[in-house]
Amino acid sequence: MQPTPPADRPTASITLTDLPEPVVVPGTPAQAPQAAPEVAPEPLPEPRLQPLLPAGAHRILVGTASWTDPTLIKCGRFYPKGCNSAEARLRHYASRFPLVEVNSSYYGLPSATNAQLWAERTPADFVFNVKAFRLFTGHQTPVDALPMVVRAALGAFTRKNVYYADLAPELRELMWQSFLEALQPLRAAGKLGALHFQFPPWFVQSAQAREHLDEVRARLTDHLVAVEFRHQSWFLPTQAAATLEFEKERALVNVVLDEPQGFANSVGAHWEVTNPHLAVVRLHGRNAETWNIKDAASASERFNYDYPDAELEELAVHIRKLAERVLATHVVFNNNMEDQGQRNAARLMQILGLTR
């Protein structure tokens, strides 16, 4: 079964860049002819992973997905009075939490200018996880979200959305280059954490999907790559072990999810480490009624959930155990109606005995 995009492009699928040609082992000398040896595929580049902290120092970082959600700002409970500028809000957020997930990078390519400002406005130990641009995860992408040079190269493109498959190899290369160059200021400052790839529900477990993951890994050998699946096929009882082993072999960070269960786009929490440098726990809330809500005015409506202390204490037990097996653990609250995520993140830090 291959990944199937939404109805606005029923024939589209995620087309994958071919992996390198296999390396052909030379034959034996002509004077001693033998059967040609079996051809072995060329291995993917070995990830050159850098620990987030010195070896042996285990650390748990807690934060939220975004610090600029409109409902968060409007509620007036997290940011103090007069904290109205982009700089003031980020500085205040970073005074309360050591970690944030950048969500705006999913909707549009980030800019190096903004990344530089983020680095300058946060403490030395602050970490940014960055969500991958939607094109790289197989989502439909508005043509207007592409750089001008890419739009010009597409010419008279008749649809409002573009998919990874629509771009020529050289344009894909340009998109990846633009994405990584924009993040360079964060990396240079030592503040770039994981690149978070949240795949769509139609990205089902298949050979084609695994090939795309191999492409992502090959393009990002110098980065921590976290993978969030949103289709149950990846973690069915007969498939879960193979998925985790696939991630381990490629040093892809398994994202542990807390979310409503019983849906095709729910995979459940699998508290497993697949990269010894990092574990990521992402908390979407447990609101089953809004999990697949249609025509929501904003994402915050879908993730409208306030974790009670009992659930946070239960999660803390699992997080502590997970953190014992990995160098760094990032816990990201994605319940983002008003200040729910910030309140829950602060409370979890208290339960875990963490300070800022």
Protein backbone atom coordinates (compact mmCIF):
# COMPACT_ATOMS: atom_id res chain seq x y z
CA MET A 1 0.00 0.00 0.00
CA GLN A 2 1.41 3.37 -0.95
CA PRO A 3 0.91 6.73 0.78
CA THR A 4 -2.26 8.38 -0.54
CA PRO A 5 -2.65 12.16 -0.47
CA PRO A 6 -5.90 14.01 0.19
CA ALA A 7 -8.77 14.20 -2.25
CA ASP A 8 -7.62 17.48 -3.79
CA ARG A 9 -4.85 15.50 -5.45
CA PRO A 10 -6.05 11.88 -5.58
CA THR A 11 -3.39 10.79 -8.07
CA ALA A 12 -0.47 12.29 -6.18
CA SER A 13 1.89 10.17 -4.15
CA ILE A 14 5.18 10.76 -2.43
CA THR A 15 7.83 10.21 -5.11
CA LEU A 16 11.21 9.38 -3.70
CA THR A 17 14.65 10.38 -4.89
CA ASP A 18 16.50 7.29 -5.99
CA LEU A 19 19.14 6.06 -3.60
CA PRO A 20 22.75 5.77 -4.83
CA GLU A 21 23.53 3.07 -7.37
CA PRO A 22 24.78 -0.19 -5.88
CA VAL A 23 28.54 -0.65 -5.65
CA VAL A 24 29.59 -3.42 -8.06
CA VAL A 25 32.35 -5.56 -6.61
CA PRO A 26 35.05 -6.08 -9.32
CA GLY A 27 35.29 -9.56 -10.80
CA THR A 28 38.26 -11.88 -10.50
CA PRO A 29 41.10 -11.85 -13.09
CA ALA A 30 40.27 -13.10 -16.55
CA GLN A 31 42.67 -16.02 -16.28
CA ALA A 32 40.60 -17.43 -13.46
CA PRO A 33 36.98 -16.72 -14.39
CA GLN A 34 34.44 -17.16 -11.67
CA ALA A 35 30.80 -16.35 -11.24
CA ALA A 36 30.21 -12.66 -10.66
CA PRO A 37 29.93 -11.93 -6.96
CA GLU A 38 26.63 -10.80 -5.56
CA VAL A 39 26.11 -7.06 -5.90
CA ALA A 40 25.75 -5.29 -2.54
CA PRO A 41 23.93 -1.98 -2.22
CA GLU A 42 25.96 1.01 -1.19
CA PRO A 43 25.33 1.77 2.50
CA LEU A 44 23.74 5.02 3.53
CA PRO A 45 26.11 7.61 4.97
CA GLU A 46 26.88 6.89 8.61
CA PRO A 47 25.17 9.52 10.78
CA ARG A 48 27.72 11.74 12.49
CA LEU A 49 25.70 12.46 15.59
CA GLN A 50 26.87 14.87 18.26
CA PRO A 51 25.62 14.47 21.83
CA LEU A 52 23.58 17.35 23.19
CA LEU A 53 25.56 17.20 26.44
CA PRO A 54 28.82 15.57 27.60
CA ALA A 55 28.61 11.78 27.70
CA GLY A 56 27.03 10.53 30.89
CA ALA A 57 25.02 13.69 31.66
CA HIS A 58 21.36 12.75 31.39
CA ARG A 59 18.96 15.65 31.11
CA ILE A 60 15.22 16.19 30.73
CA LEU A 61 14.05 19.34 28.93
CA VAL A 62 10.38 20.33 29.00
CA GLY A 63 8.70 22.87 26.74
CA THR A 64 5.81 23.50 24.38
CA ALA A 65 5.09 23.46 20.68
CA SER A 66 5.27 27.15 19.73
CA TRP A 67 5.41 30.21 21.94
CA THR A 68 3.27 32.44 19.67
CA ASP A 69 -0.05 30.61 19.35
CA PRO A 70 -2.79 33.24 18.93
CA THR A 71 -4.96 31.82 21.72
CA LEU A 72 -1.97 31.80 24.08
CA ILE A 73 -1.29 35.48 23.46
CA LYS A 74 -4.96 36.45 23.57
CA CYS A 75 -5.71 34.73 26.89
CA GLY A 76 -3.28 37.07 28.67
CA ARG A 77 -2.29 34.58 31.37
CA PHE A 78 1.21 33.50 30.31
CA TYR A 79 2.83 36.68 29.03
CA PRO A 80 2.93 39.57 31.52
CA LYS A 81 1.35 42.92 30.76
CA GLY A 82 3.44 44.90 28.30
CA CYS A 83 5.12 41.81 26.86
CA ASN A 84 3.95 42.55 23.34
CA SER A 85 6.95 42.27 21.00
CA ALA A 86 8.35 39.14 19.40
CA GLU A 87 11.60 39.66 21.30
CA ALA A 88 9.93 40.18 24.67
CA ARG A 89 7.74 37.10 24.29
CA LEU A 90 10.61 34.79 23.37
CA ARG A 91 12.78 36.13 26.18
CA HIS A 92 9.96 35.59 28.67
CA TYR A 93 9.24 32.10 27.37
CA ALA A 94 12.94 31.16 27.57
CA SER A 95 13.04 32.35 31.17
CA ARG A 96 10.39 29.76 32.03
CA PHE A 97 11.36 26.78 29.86
CA PRO A 98 14.62 25.39 28.40
CA LEU A 99 13.07 24.01 25.20
CA VAL A 100 10.63 24.99 22.47
CA GLU A 101 9.42 23.40 19.26
CA VAL A 102 9.32 25.76 16.28
CA ASN A 103 6.06 25.10 14.43
CA SER A 104 6.13 27.98 11.95
CA SER A 105 8.82 26.14 9.96
CA TYR A 106 6.18 23.61 8.93
CA TYR A 107 4.04 26.25 7.22
CA GLY A 108 6.87 28.14 5.57
CA LEU A 109 10.64 27.83 5.25
CA PRO A 110 12.35 29.57 8.16
CA SER A 111 14.72 32.43 7.54
CA ALA A 112 18.31 32.69 8.71
CA THR A 113 17.51 36.19 9.96
CA ASN A 114 14.85 34.92 12.33
CA ALA A 115 17.02 32.00 13.42
CA GLN A 116 19.81 34.41 14.30
CA LEU A 117 17.41 36.51 16.35
CA TRP A 118 16.12 33.42 18.15
CA ALA A 119 19.67 32.45 19.04
CA GLU A 120 20.47 35.95 20.31
CA ARG A 121 17.31 36.27 22.42
CA THR A 122 17.64 33.03 24.38
CA PRO A 123 20.03 31.80 27.09
CA ALA A 124 23.09 29.75 26.16
CA ASP A 125 21.48 26.47 27.26
CA PHE A 126 18.21 26.96 25.37
CA VAL A 127 17.25 24.39 22.71
CA PHE A 128 15.05 24.71 19.62
CA ASN A 129 13.50 21.64 18.04
CA VAL A 130 12.41 22.59 14.52
CA LYS A 131 9.48 21.09 12.66
CA ALA A 132 10.31 20.08 9.09
CA PHE A 133 8.78 22.04 6.24
CA ARG A 134 5.56 20.39 5.05
CA LEU A 135 6.89 19.61 1.57
CA PHE A 136 9.50 17.22 3.01
CA THR A 137 6.89 15.18 4.87
CA GLY A 138 4.58 14.65 1.89
CA HIS A 139 1.93 17.21 2.85
CA GLN A 140 0.22 19.35 0.26
CA THR A 141 2.10 22.65 0.13
CA PRO A 142 0.70 25.94 -1.19
CA VAL A 143 2.73 27.16 -4.14
CA ASP A 144 2.86 30.54 -2.43
CA ALA A 145 4.87 28.96 0.41
CA LEU A 146 7.76 28.11 -1.92
CA PRO A 147 10.73 30.43 -2.53
CA MET A 148 10.38 32.73 -5.52
CA VAL A 149 13.08 30.92 -7.49
CA VAL A 150 11.23 27.61 -7.11
CA ARG A 151 7.91 29.15 -8.09
CA ALA A 152 9.51 30.64 -11.18
CA ALA A 153 10.98 27.27 -12.14
CA LEU A 154 7.55 25.62 -11.85
CA GLY A 155 6.25 27.94 -14.54
CA ALA A 156 2.53 27.91 -15.25
CA PHE A 157 1.58 25.56 -12.42
CA THR A 158 -2.19 25.13 -12.54
CA ARG A 159 -2.89 23.84 -9.01
CA LYS A 160 -2.72 25.85 -5.81
CA ASN A 161 -0.88 23.05 -3.98
CA VAL A 162 2.37 21.33 -4.84
CA TYR A 163 3.77 18.00 -3.65
CA TYR A 164 7.30 16.72 -3.29
CA ALA A 165 6.70 14.61 -6.40
CA ASP A 166 6.02 17.71 -8.47
CA LEU A 167 9.51 19.12 -8.04
CA ALA A 168 12.43 18.21 -10.31
CA PRO A 169 15.46 16.80 -8.46
CA GLU A 170 17.35 20.09 -8.70
CA LEU A 171 14.43 21.96 -7.13
CA ARG A 172 14.20 19.45 -4.31
CA GLU A 173 17.90 19.94 -3.71
CA LEU A 174 17.37 23.69 -3.56
CA MET A 175 14.54 23.31 -1.05
CA TRP A 176 16.65 21.16 1.27
CA GLN A 177 19.56 23.54 0.97
CA SER A 178 17.36 26.53 1.78
CA PHE A 179 15.90 24.79 4.83
CA LEU A 180 19.26 23.83 6.29
CA GLU A 181 20.93 27.16 5.56
CA ALA A 182 18.15 28.94 7.42
CA LEU A 183 18.87 26.85 10.53
CA GLN A 184 22.61 27.40 10.47
CA PRO A 185 22.55 30.27 13.02
CA LEU A 186 20.88 28.00 15.57
CA ARG A 187 23.34 25.25 14.90
CA ALA A 188 26.32 27.58 15.13
CA ALA A 189 25.04 28.77 18.51
CA GLY A 190 24.69 25.18 19.76
CA LYS A 191 20.92 25.62 20.14
CA LEU A 192 19.57 23.36 17.40
CA GLY A 193 18.01 20.23 18.83
CA ALA A 194 16.05 17.79 16.68
CA LEU A 195 14.51 18.25 13.25
CA HIS A 196 10.98 16.99 13.79
CA PHE A 197 9.35 15.15 10.88
CA GLN A 198 5.62 14.75 11.47
CA PHE A 199 4.26 12.65 8.63
CA PRO A 200 0.64 12.80 7.45
CA PRO A 201 -1.92 10.05 8.08
CA TRP A 202 -1.62 8.84 4.47
CA PHE A 203 2.10 8.13 5.02
CA VAL A 204 1.42 4.47 5.75
CA GLN A 205 3.96 1.76 6.44
CA SER A 206 5.27 0.64 3.04
CA ALA A 207 8.47 0.13 1.07
CA GLN A 208 7.92 3.50 -0.59
CA ALA A 209 7.59 5.26 2.76
CA ARG A 210 10.72 3.56 4.09
CA GLU A 211 12.63 4.71 1.02
CA HIS A 212 11.57 8.28 1.72
CA LEU A 213 12.79 7.96 5.30
CA ASP A 214 16.10 6.69 3.94
CA GLU A 215 16.32 9.77 1.75
CA VAL A 216 15.64 12.04 4.73
CA ARG A 217 18.30 10.28 6.78
CA ALA A 218 20.85 10.44 3.95
CA ARG A 219 20.26 14.16 3.48
CA LEU A 220 20.54 14.93 7.21
CA THR A 221 23.46 12.79 8.35
CA ASP A 222 24.74 15.58 10.61
CA HIS A 223 21.42 16.20 12.36
CA LEU A 224 19.22 14.61 14.97
CA VAL A 225 16.06 13.54 13.13
CA ALA A 226 12.88 12.79 15.09
CA VAL A 227 10.09 10.89 13.35
CA GLU A 228 6.40 11.09 14.25
CA PHE A 229 4.08 8.69 12.46
CA ARG A 230 0.36 9.34 12.24
CA HIS A 231 -0.93 6.06 10.88
CA GLN A 232 -1.45 2.95 12.96
CA SER A 233 0.13 0.69 10.32
CA TRP A 234 3.59 1.58 11.69
CA PHE A 235 2.84 0.20 15.14
CA LEU A 236 0.42 -2.65 14.64
CA PRO A 237 1.35 -5.62 16.89
CA THR A 238 2.91 -7.40 13.91
CA GLN A 239 4.85 -4.32 12.75
CA ALA A 240 5.93 -2.36 15.83
CA ALA A 241 9.19 -4.24 16.43
CA ALA A 242 10.22 -3.87 12.78
CA THR A 243 9.46 -0.13 12.83
CA LEU A 244 11.56 0.42 15.94
CA GLU A 245 14.41 -1.64 14.51
CA PHE A 246 14.26 0.36 11.28
CA GLU A 247 14.58 3.56 13.31
CA LYS A 248 17.46 2.16 15.39
CA GLU A 249 19.42 1.13 12.30
CA ARG A 250 19.19 4.69 10.95
CA ALA A 251 19.48 6.55 14.28
CA LEU A 252 16.03 8.07 13.75
CA VAL A 253 14.54 9.29 17.04
CA ASN A 254 11.31 7.51 17.88
CA VAL A 255 8.75 10.11 19.00
CA VAL A 256 6.75 8.79 21.95
CA LEU A 257 3.19 10.05 21.58
CA ASP A 258 0.45 10.66 24.11
CA GLU A 259 -2.79 11.08 22.21
CA PRO A 260 -6.36 9.75 21.95
CA GLN A 261 -6.54 6.09 21.03
CA GLY A 262 -8.81 4.05 18.78
CA PHE A 263 -8.26 6.00 15.56
CA ALA A 264 -6.41 5.11 12.37
CA ASN A 265 -4.25 8.21 12.83
CA SER A 266 -3.25 7.26 16.38
CA VAL A 267 -0.19 5.13 17.07
CA GLY A 268 0.02 5.11 20.85
CA ALA A 269 2.95 5.57 23.21
CA HIS A 270 5.94 3.33 22.53
CA TRP A 271 8.49 4.13 25.22
CA GLU A 272 11.50 2.94 23.27
CA VAL A 273 14.90 4.51 22.60
CA THR A 274 16.11 4.33 19.00
CA ASN A 275 18.92 6.88 19.24
CA PRO A 276 21.09 6.95 22.38
CA HIS A 277 21.52 10.72 22.12
CA LEU A 278 17.88 11.76 22.28
CA ALA A 279 14.33 10.72 23.11
CA VAL A 280 11.32 12.89 22.27
CA VAL A 281 7.96 12.71 24.06
CA ARG A 282 5.18 14.69 22.39
CA LEU A 283 1.93 15.25 24.29
CA HIS A 284 -1.11 16.01 22.14
CA GLY A 285 -3.69 15.68 24.90
CA ARG A 286 -6.39 13.03 25.21
CA ASN A 287 -9.45 14.77 23.80
CA ALA A 288 -11.01 12.07 21.63
CA GLU A 289 -13.98 14.27 20.72
CA THR A 290 -11.83 16.82 18.91
CA TRP A 291 -9.04 14.54 17.66
CA ASN A 292 -10.41 14.43 14.10
CA ILE A 293 -12.61 17.50 14.24
CA LYS A 294 -13.53 18.94 10.84
CA ASP A 295 -13.37 22.60 9.85
CA ALA A 296 -11.69 23.70 13.07
CA ALA A 297 -10.92 27.41 13.16
CA SER A 298 -7.43 26.65 14.49
CA ALA A 299 -5.22 23.74 15.55
CA SER A 300 -5.77 24.71 19.18
CA GLU A 301 -9.37 23.51 18.93
CA ARG A 302 -8.19 20.02 18.03
CA PHE A 303 -5.66 19.86 20.87
CA ASN A 304 -7.90 21.38 23.52
CA TYR A 305 -6.94 19.39 26.61
CA ASP A 306 -5.78 20.19 30.13
CA TYR A 307 -3.77 17.37 31.73
CA PRO A 308 -4.79 16.75 35.35
CA ASP A 309 -2.08 16.13 37.93
CA ALA A 310 -2.82 12.40 38.07
CA GLU A 311 -2.03 12.01 34.35
CA LEU A 312 1.07 14.18 34.59
CA GLU A 313 2.35 12.12 37.52
CA GLU A 314 1.76 8.93 35.54
CA LEU A 315 3.62 10.38 32.56
CA ALA A 316 6.47 11.49 34.82
CA VAL A 317 7.10 7.89 35.85
CA HIS A 318 7.53 6.82 32.22
CA ILE A 319 9.61 9.89 31.37
CA ARG A 320 12.04 9.23 34.22
CA LYS A 321 12.52 5.64 33.11
CA LEU A 322 13.01 6.70 29.50
CA ALA A 323 15.53 9.37 30.50
CA GLU A 324 17.70 6.78 32.24
CA ARG A 325 18.36 5.15 28.86
CA VAL A 326 19.27 8.17 26.77
CA LEU A 327 21.48 11.24 26.95
CA ALA A 328 18.74 13.86 26.59
CA THR A 329 14.95 13.66 26.75
CA HIS A 330 12.74 16.36 25.23
CA VAL A 331 9.14 16.60 26.42
CA VAL A 332 6.94 18.80 24.22
CA PHE A 333 3.36 19.75 25.08
CA ASN A 334 1.28 20.25 21.94
CA ASN A 335 -2.03 20.91 23.73
CA ASN A 336 -2.18 24.52 22.70
CA MET A 337 -5.54 25.98 23.60
CA GLU A 338 -4.69 29.23 25.39
CA ASP A 339 -2.08 28.51 28.11
CA GLN A 340 -2.85 24.81 28.62
CA GLY A 341 0.52 23.64 27.31
CA GLN A 342 2.51 26.16 29.35
CA ARG A 343 0.64 25.40 32.58
CA ASN A 344 0.97 21.66 32.08
CA ALA A 345 4.66 21.95 31.16
CA ALA A 346 5.38 24.00 34.28
CA ARG A 347 3.51 21.50 36.45
CA LEU A 348 5.35 18.55 34.94
CA MET A 349 8.66 20.28 35.66
CA GLN A 350 7.59 20.59 39.30
CA ILE A 351 6.65 16.91 39.45
CA LEU A 352 10.00 15.93 37.92
CA GLY A 353 11.87 18.24 40.28
CA LEU A 354 13.17 20.41 37.43
CA THR A 355 13.85 24.12 37.71
CA ARG A 356 14.50 26.93 35.27
